[in-house]
PDB file of N, CA and C in Angstrom:
ATOM      1  N   MET A   1      -5.073  65.299  94.581  1.00  0.00           N
ATOM      2  CA  MET A   1      -3.685  65.615  94.801  1.00  0.00           C
ATOM      3  C   MET A   1      -3.361  65.493  96.285  1.00  0.00           C
ATOM      4  N   ALA A   2      -2.317  64.781  96.604  1.00  0.00           N
ATOM      5  CA  ALA A   2      -1.850  64.641  97.980  1.00  0.00           C
ATOM      6  C   ALA A   2      -0.729  65.650  98.208  1.00  0.00           C
ATOM      7  N   ARG A   3      -0.886  66.459  99.232  1.00  0.00           N
ATOM      8  CA  ARG A   3       0.112  67.494  99.506  1.00  0.00           C
ATOM      9  C   ARG A   3       0.837  67.178 100.802  1.00  0.00           C
ATOM     10  N   PHE A   4       2.151  67.241 100.734  1.00  0.00           N
ATOM     11  CA  PHE A   4       3.002  66.985 101.887  1.00  0.00           C
ATOM     12  C   PHE A   4       3.851  68.211 102.177  1.00  0.00           C
ATOM     13  N   ILE A   5       4.176  68.384 103.441  1.00  0.00           N
ATOM     14  CA  ILE A   5       5.137  69.393 103.865  1.00  0.00           C
ATOM     15  C   ILE A   5       6.292  68.645 104.511  1.00  0.00           C
ATOM     16  N   ILE A   6       7.489  68.925 104.040  1.00  0.00           N
ATOM     17  CA  ILE A   6       8.653  68.165 104.471  1.00  0.00           C
ATOM     18  C   ILE A   6       9.680  69.073 105.125  1.00  0.00           C
ATOM     19  N   GLY A   7      10.262  68.573 106.195  1.00  0.00           N
ATOM     20  CA  GLY A   7      11.397  69.226 106.835  1.00  0.00           C
ATOM     21  C   GLY A   7      12.625  68.383 106.546  1.00  0.00           C
ATOM     22  N   LYS A   8      13.626  68.996 105.941  1.00  0.00           N
ATOM     23  CA  LYS A   8      14.833  68.268 105.542  1.00  0.00           C
ATOM     24  C   LYS A   8      15.959  68.521 106.530  1.00  0.00           C
ATOM     25  N   ASP A   9      16.686  67.464 106.868  1.00  0.00           N
ATOM     26  CA  ASP A   9      17.831  67.547 107.774  1.00  0.00           C
ATOM     27  C   ASP A   9      19.094  67.245 106.969  1.00  0.00           C
ATOM     28  N   TYR A  10      19.820  68.297 106.609  1.00  0.00           N
ATOM     29  CA  TYR A  10      21.049  68.144 105.833  1.00  0.00           C
ATOM     30  C   TYR A  10      22.233  67.791 106.734  1.00  0.00           C
ATOM     31  N   GLU A  11      22.196  68.263 107.962  1.00  0.00           N
ATOM     32  CA  GLU A  11      23.318  68.060 108.880  1.00  0.00           C
ATOM     33  C   GLU A  11      23.516  66.592 109.234  1.00  0.00           C
ATOM     34  N   ALA A  12      22.440  65.859 109.425  1.00  0.00           N
ATOM     35  CA  ALA A  12      22.559  64.432 109.767  1.00  0.00           C
ATOM     36  C   ALA A  12      23.248  63.673 108.642  1.00  0.00           C
ATOM     37  N   SER A  13      22.898  63.980 107.411  1.00  0.00           N
ATOM     38  CA  SER A  13      23.537  63.320 106.274  1.00  0.00           C
ATOM     39  C   SER A  13      25.008  63.699 106.181  1.00  0.00           C
ATOM     40  N   GLU A  14      25.306  64.971 106.404  1.00  0.00           N
ATOM     41  CA  GLU A  14      26.688  65.451 106.356  1.00  0.00           C
ATOM     42  C   GLU A  14      27.545  64.734 107.395  1.00  0.00           C
ATOM     43  N   ARG A  15      26.991  64.525 108.592  1.00  0.00           N
ATOM     44  CA  ARG A  15      27.743  63.874 109.684  1.00  0.00           C
ATOM     45  C   ARG A  15      28.145  62.445 109.342  1.00  0.00           C
ATOM     46  N   VAL A  16      27.376  61.778 108.502  1.00  0.00           N
ATOM     47  CA  VAL A  16      27.706  60.388 108.163  1.00  0.00           C
ATOM     48  C   VAL A  16      28.382  60.280 106.801  1.00  0.00           C
ATOM     49  N   GLY A  17      28.854  61.423 106.287  1.00  0.00           N
ATOM     50  CA  GLY A  17      29.602  61.403 105.032  1.00  0.00           C
ATOM     51  C   GLY A  17      28.747  61.408 103.787  1.00  0.00           C
ATOM     52  N   ALA A  18      27.497  61.809 103.898  1.00  0.00           N
ATOM     53  CA  ALA A  18      26.589  61.827 102.737  1.00  0.00           C
ATOM     54  C   ALA A  18      26.240  63.282 102.387  1.00  0.00           C
ATOM     55  N   GLY A  19      27.275  64.094 102.185  1.00  0.00           N
ATOM     56  CA  GLY A  19      27.050  65.490 101.815  1.00  0.00           C
ATOM     57  C   GLY A  19      26.268  65.585 100.520  1.00  0.00           C
ATOM     58  N   GLY A  20      25.422  66.595 100.409  1.00  0.00           N
ATOM     59  CA  GLY A  20      24.580  66.748  99.228  1.00  0.00           C
ATOM     60  C   GLY A  20      23.290  65.945  99.323  1.00  0.00           C
ATOM     61  N   MET A  21      23.105  65.314 100.471  1.00  0.00           N
ATOM     62  CA  MET A  21      21.891  64.534 100.695  1.00  0.00           C
ATOM     63  C   MET A  21      21.193  65.061 101.941  1.00  0.00           C
ATOM     64  N   TYR A  22      19.999  64.558 102.189  1.00  0.00           N
ATOM     65  CA  TYR A  22      19.253  64.941 103.380  1.00  0.00           C
ATOM     66  C   TYR A  22      18.439  63.758 103.865  1.00  0.00           C
ATOM     67  N   GLN A  23      18.040  63.839 105.118  1.00  0.00           N
ATOM     68  CA  GLN A  23      17.087  62.903 105.695  1.00  0.00           C
ATOM     69  C   GLN A  23      15.810  63.679 105.987  1.00  0.00           C
ATOM     70  N   ILE A  24      14.700  62.977 106.025  1.00  0.00           N
ATOM     71  CA  ILE A  24      13.441  63.630 106.363  1.00  0.00           C
ATOM     72  C   ILE A  24      13.363  63.748 107.871  1.00  0.00           C
ATOM     73  N   GLU A  25      13.278  64.981 108.332  1.00  0.00           N
ATOM     74  CA  GLU A  25      13.193  65.242 109.764  1.00  0.00           C
ATOM     75  C   GLU A  25      11.737  65.231 110.228  1.00  0.00           C
ATOM     76  N   ILE A  26      10.862  65.772 109.400  1.00  0.00           N
ATOM     77  CA  ILE A  26       9.434  65.802 109.703  1.00  0.00           C
ATOM     78  C   ILE A  26       8.664  65.744 108.396  1.00  0.00           C
ATOM     79  N   LEU A  27       7.537  65.045 108.436  1.00  0.00           N
ATOM     80  CA  LEU A  27       6.687  64.941 107.258  1.00  0.00           C
ATOM     81  C   LEU A  27       5.238  65.115 107.696  1.00  0.00           C
ATOM     82  N   ARG A  28       4.584  66.067 107.076  1.00  0.00           N
ATOM     83  CA  ARG A  28       3.170  66.315 107.370  1.00  0.00           C
ATOM     84  C   ARG A  28       2.365  66.166 106.100  1.00  0.00           C
ATOM     85  N   MET A  29       1.188  65.596 106.234  1.00  0.00           N
ATOM     86  CA  MET A  29       0.251  65.496 105.118  1.00  0.00           C
ATOM     87  C   MET A  29      -0.811  66.569 105.336  1.00  0.00           C
ATOM     88  N   VAL A  30      -1.104  67.302 104.274  1.00  0.00           N
ATOM     89  CA  VAL A  30      -2.090  68.377 104.361  1.00  0.00           C
ATOM     90  C   VAL A  30      -3.425  67.841 103.860  1.00  0.00           C
ATOM     91  N   LYS A  31      -4.429  67.944 104.718  1.00  0.00           N
ATOM     92  CA  LYS A  31      -5.768  67.477 104.353  1.00  0.00           C
ATOM     93  C   LYS A  31      -6.480  68.540 103.520  1.00  0.00           C
ATOM     94  N   LYS A  32      -7.609  68.159 102.957  1.00  0.00           N
ATOM     95  CA  LYS A  32      -8.372  69.063 102.089  1.00  0.00           C
ATOM     96  C   LYS A  32      -8.776  70.354 102.782  1.00  0.00           C
ATOM     97  N   ASP A  33      -8.989  70.309 104.096  1.00  0.00           N
ATOM     98  CA  ASP A  33      -9.374  71.516 104.839  1.00  0.00           C
ATOM     99  C   ASP A  33      -8.153  72.284 105.352  1.00  0.00           C
ATOM    100  N   ASP A  34      -6.983  71.959 104.819  1.00  0.00           N
ATOM    101  CA  ASP A  34      -5.695  72.578 105.149  1.00  0.00           C
ATOM    102  C   ASP A  34      -5.178  72.238 106.540  1.00  0.00           C
ATOM    103  N   ASP A  35      -5.845  71.328 107.254  1.00  0.00           N
ATOM    104  CA  ASP A  35      -5.280  70.824 108.501  1.00  0.00           C
ATOM    105  C   ASP A  35      -4.103  69.924 108.142  1.00  0.00           C
ATOM    106  N   GLU A  36      -3.105  69.903 109.009  1.00  0.00           N
ATOM    107  CA  GLU A  36      -1.928  69.084 108.779  1.00  0.00           C
ATOM    108  C   GLU A  36      -1.889  67.912 109.751  1.00  0.00           C
ATOM    109  N   ILE A  37      -1.485  66.759 109.234  1.00  0.00           N
ATOM    110  CA  ILE A  37      -1.342  65.551 110.051  1.00  0.00           C
ATOM    111  C   ILE A  37       0.133  65.154 110.014  1.00  0.00           C
ATOM    112  N   ASP A  38       0.729  64.969 111.176  1.00  0.00           N
ATOM    113  CA  ASP A  38       2.122  64.522 111.236  1.00  0.00           C
ATOM    114  C   ASP A  38       2.165  63.031 110.885  1.00  0.00           C
ATOM    115  N   VAL A  39       2.824  62.695 109.798  1.00  0.00           N
ATOM    116  CA  VAL A  39       2.922  61.307 109.355  1.00  0.00           C
ATOM    117  C   VAL A  39       4.375  60.821 109.382  1.00  0.00           C
ATOM    118  N   THR A  40       5.216  61.510 110.136  1.00  0.00           N
ATOM    119  CA  THR A  40       6.637  61.166 110.219  1.00  0.00           C
ATOM    120  C   THR A  40       6.836  59.720 110.674  1.00  0.00           C
ATOM    121  N   ALA A  41       6.002  59.243 111.566  1.00  0.00           N
ATOM    122  CA  ALA A  41       6.150  57.881 112.104  1.00  0.00           C
ATOM    123  C   ALA A  41       5.931  56.798 111.045  1.00  0.00           C
ATOM    124  N   LYS A  42       5.350  57.146 109.922  1.00  0.00           N
ATOM    125  CA  LYS A  42       5.070  56.163 108.874  1.00  0.00           C
ATOM    126  C   LYS A  42       6.246  55.964 107.921  1.00  0.00           C
ATOM    127  N   ILE A  43       7.305  56.773 108.067  1.00  0.00           N
ATOM    128  CA  ILE A  43       8.432  56.688 107.139  1.00  0.00           C
ATOM    129  C   ILE A  43       9.704  56.273 107.869  1.00  0.00           C
ATOM    130  N   ASP A  44      10.710  55.909 107.106  1.00  0.00           N
ATOM    131  CA  ASP A  44      12.036  55.597 107.638  1.00  0.00           C
ATOM    132  C   ASP A  44      12.846  56.891 107.620  1.00  0.00           C
ATOM    133  N   VAL A  45      12.971  57.543 108.767  1.00  0.00           N
ATOM    134  CA  VAL A  45      13.676  58.822 108.829  1.00  0.00           C
ATOM    135  C   VAL A  45      15.188  58.658 108.650  1.00  0.00           C
ATOM    136  N   GLY A  46      15.674  57.449 108.601  1.00  0.00           N
ATOM    137  CA  GLY A  46      17.097  57.192 108.397  1.00  0.00           C
ATOM    138  C   GLY A  46      17.508  57.153 106.939  1.00  0.00           C
ATOM    139  N   MET A  47      16.558  57.209 106.036  1.00  0.00           N
ATOM    140  CA  MET A  47      16.881  57.177 104.602  1.00  0.00           C
ATOM    141  C   MET A  47      17.484  58.508 104.176  1.00  0.00           C
ATOM    142  N   HIS A  48      18.376  58.437 103.198  1.00  0.00           N
ATOM    143  CA  HIS A  48      19.002  59.635 102.632  1.00  0.00           C
ATOM    144  C   HIS A  48      18.491  59.830 101.211  1.00  0.00           C
ATOM    145  N   PHE A  49      18.232  61.086 100.867  1.00  0.00           N
ATOM    146  CA  PHE A  49      17.764  61.449  99.534  1.00  0.00           C
ATOM    147  C   PHE A  49      18.687  62.512  98.960  1.00  0.00           C
ATOM    148  N   LEU A  50      18.928  62.446  97.656  1.00  0.00           N
ATOM    149  CA  LEU A  50      19.741  63.463  96.988  1.00  0.00           C
ATOM    150  C   LEU A  50      19.013  64.796  96.991  1.00  0.00           C
ATOM    151  N   ASN A  51      19.741  65.845  97.300  1.00  0.00           N
ATOM    152  CA  ASN A  51      19.142  67.165  97.381  1.00  0.00           C
ATOM    153  C   ASN A  51      18.616  67.650  96.035  1.00  0.00           C
ATOM    154  N   ASP A  52      19.283  67.324  94.958  1.00  0.00           N
ATOM    155  CA  ASP A  52      18.894  67.869  93.654  1.00  0.00           C
ATOM    156  C   ASP A  52      18.035  66.923  92.814  1.00  0.00           C
ATOM    157  N   ASP A  53      17.558  65.836  93.401  1.00  0.00           N
ATOM    158  CA  ASP A  53      16.732  64.882  92.660  1.00  0.00           C
ATOM    159  C   ASP A  53      15.585  64.407  93.541  1.00  0.00           C
ATOM    160  N   ASN A  54      14.432  65.053  93.407  1.00  0.00           N
ATOM    161  CA  ASN A  54      13.285  64.690  94.232  1.00  0.00           C
ATOM    162  C   ASN A  54      12.523  63.467  93.729  1.00  0.00           C
ATOM    163  N   GLN A  55      12.916  62.910  92.598  1.00  0.00           N
ATOM    164  CA  GLN A  55      12.180  61.766  92.058  1.00  0.00           C
ATOM    165  C   GLN A  55      12.195  60.574  93.011  1.00  0.00           C
ATOM    166  N   GLU A  56      13.331  60.336  93.666  1.00  0.00           N
ATOM    167  CA  GLU A  56      13.392  59.226  94.624  1.00  0.00           C
ATOM    168  C   GLU A  56      12.458  59.484  95.799  1.00  0.00           C
ATOM    169  N   LEU A  57      12.390  60.725  96.250  1.00  0.00           N
ATOM    170  CA  LEU A  57      11.483  61.085  97.334  1.00  0.00           C
ATOM    171  C   LEU A  57      10.037  60.862  96.911  1.00  0.00           C
ATOM    172  N   TYR A  58       9.680  61.304  95.716  1.00  0.00           N
ATOM    173  CA  TYR A  58       8.316  61.107  95.221  1.00  0.00           C
ATOM    174  C   TYR A  58       7.985  59.614  95.117  1.00  0.00           C
ATOM    175  N   LYS A  59       8.919  58.821  94.619  1.00  0.00           N
ATOM    176  CA  LYS A  59       8.694  57.370  94.509  1.00  0.00           C
ATOM    177  C   LYS A  59       8.520  56.742  95.889  1.00  0.00           C
ATOM    178  N   TYR A  60       9.353  57.165  96.830  1.00  0.00           N
ATOM    179  CA  TYR A  60       9.279  56.631  98.187  1.00  0.00           C
ATOM    180  C   TYR A  60       7.921  56.935  98.821  1.00  0.00           C
ATOM    181  N   LEU A  61       7.495  58.188  98.733  1.00  0.00           N
ATOM    182  CA  LEU A  61       6.202  58.568  99.298  1.00  0.00           C
ATOM    183  C   LEU A  61       5.058  57.866  98.578  1.00  0.00           C
ATOM    184  N   SER A  62       5.198  57.684  97.288  1.00  0.00           N
ATOM    185  CA  SER A  62       4.181  56.974  96.514  1.00  0.00           C
ATOM    186  C   SER A  62       4.000  55.548  97.040  1.00  0.00           C
ATOM    187  N   ASN A  63       5.114  54.882  97.316  1.00  0.00           N
ATOM    188  CA  ASN A  63       5.059  53.504  97.824  1.00  0.00           C
ATOM    189  C   ASN A  63       4.494  53.443  99.244  1.00  0.00           C
ATOM    190  N   ILE A  64       4.912  54.345 100.095  1.00  0.00           N
ATOM    191  CA  ILE A  64       4.474  54.335 101.494  1.00  0.00           C
ATOM    192  C   ILE A  64       2.974  54.626 101.617  1.00  0.00           C
ATOM    193  N   PHE A  65       2.510  55.633 100.868  1.00  0.00           N
ATOM    194  CA  PHE A  65       1.129  56.089 101.030  1.00  0.00           C
ATOM    195  C   PHE A  65       0.192  55.610  99.923  1.00  0.00           C
ATOM    196  N   ASN A  66       0.718  54.783  99.014  1.00  0.00           N
ATOM    197  CA  ASN A  66      -0.083  54.213  97.930  1.00  0.00           C
ATOM    198  C   ASN A  66      -0.798  55.311  97.119  1.00  0.00           C
ATOM    199  N   ILE A  67      -0.012  56.291  96.709  1.00  0.00           N
ATOM    200  CA  ILE A  67      -0.500  57.417  95.922  1.00  0.00           C
ATOM    201  C   ILE A  67       0.348  57.479  94.653  1.00  0.00           C
ATOM    202  N   PRO A  68      -0.263  57.646  93.486  1.00  0.00           N
ATOM    203  CA  PRO A  68       0.544  57.775  92.270  1.00  0.00           C
ATOM    204  C   PRO A  68       1.508  58.966  92.359  1.00  0.00           C
ATOM    205  N   VAL A  69       2.708  58.787  91.834  1.00  0.00           N
ATOM    206  CA  VAL A  69       3.742  59.819  91.888  1.00  0.00           C
ATOM    207  C   VAL A  69       3.234  61.152  91.349  1.00  0.00           C
ATOM    208  N   ASN A  70       2.487  61.116  90.264  1.00  0.00           N
ATOM    209  CA  ASN A  70       2.021  62.366  89.654  1.00  0.00           C
ATOM    210  C   ASN A  70       0.891  63.031  90.441  1.00  0.00           C
ATOM    211  N   ASN A  71       0.440  62.418  91.533  1.00  0.00           N
ATOM    212  CA  ASN A  71      -0.585  63.011  92.402  1.00  0.00           C
ATOM    213  C   ASN A  71      -0.002  63.518  93.723  1.00  0.00           C
ATOM    214  N   ILE A  72       1.318  63.660  93.778  1.00  0.00           N
ATOM    215  CA  ILE A  72       1.994  64.120  94.995  1.00  0.00           C
ATOM    216  C   ILE A  72       2.559  65.509  94.765  1.00  0.00           C
ATOM    217  N   ASP A  73       2.331  66.376  95.747  1.00  0.00           N
ATOM    218  CA  ASP A  73       2.879  67.721  95.732  1.00  0.00           C
ATOM    219  C   ASP A  73       3.627  67.909  97.056  1.00  0.00           C
ATOM    220  N   ILE A  74       4.828  68.469  96.990  1.00  0.00           N
ATOM    221  CA  ILE A  74       5.653  68.610  98.186  1.00  0.00           C
ATOM    222  C   ILE A  74       6.075  70.063  98.356  1.00  0.00           C
ATOM    223  N   ASP A  75       5.846  70.571  99.569  1.00  0.00           N
ATOM    224  CA  ASP A  75       6.347  71.891  99.961  1.00  0.00           C
ATOM    225  C   ASP A  75       7.379  71.672 101.049  1.00  0.00           C
ATOM    226  N   GLU A  76       8.385  72.532 101.062  1.00  0.00           N
ATOM    227  CA  GLU A  76       9.442  72.403 102.049  1.00  0.00           C
ATOM    228  C   GLU A  76       9.230  73.407 103.173  1.00  0.00           C
ATOM    229  N   LEU A  77       9.454  72.947 104.416  1.00  0.00           N
ATOM    230  CA  LEU A  77       9.395  73.859 105.554  1.00  0.00           C
ATOM    231  C   LEU A  77      10.465  74.915 105.406  1.00  0.00           C
ATOM    232  N   SER A  78      10.148  76.112 105.801  1.00  0.00           N
ATOM    233  CA  SER A  78      11.164  77.174 105.698  1.00  0.00           C
ATOM    234  C   SER A  78      11.817  77.432 107.025  1.00  0.00           C
TER     235      SER A  78
END
């Protein structure tokens, strides 16, 4: 299982007229020993995702990191 921690930026999407969406502000991959690796540079932080539908996010991460969708777990930064 690949575990990610995501920071969502709702304000950036709102500013460009995409209310109800977010951009990824930060993305960390959690290793087996619970160390975190910042992998934000590997993604397009300009993409917008629907707040109530994480399937597109899971598909996107699956394509970027070559991990099956059902092997991805995402926690949100608080």
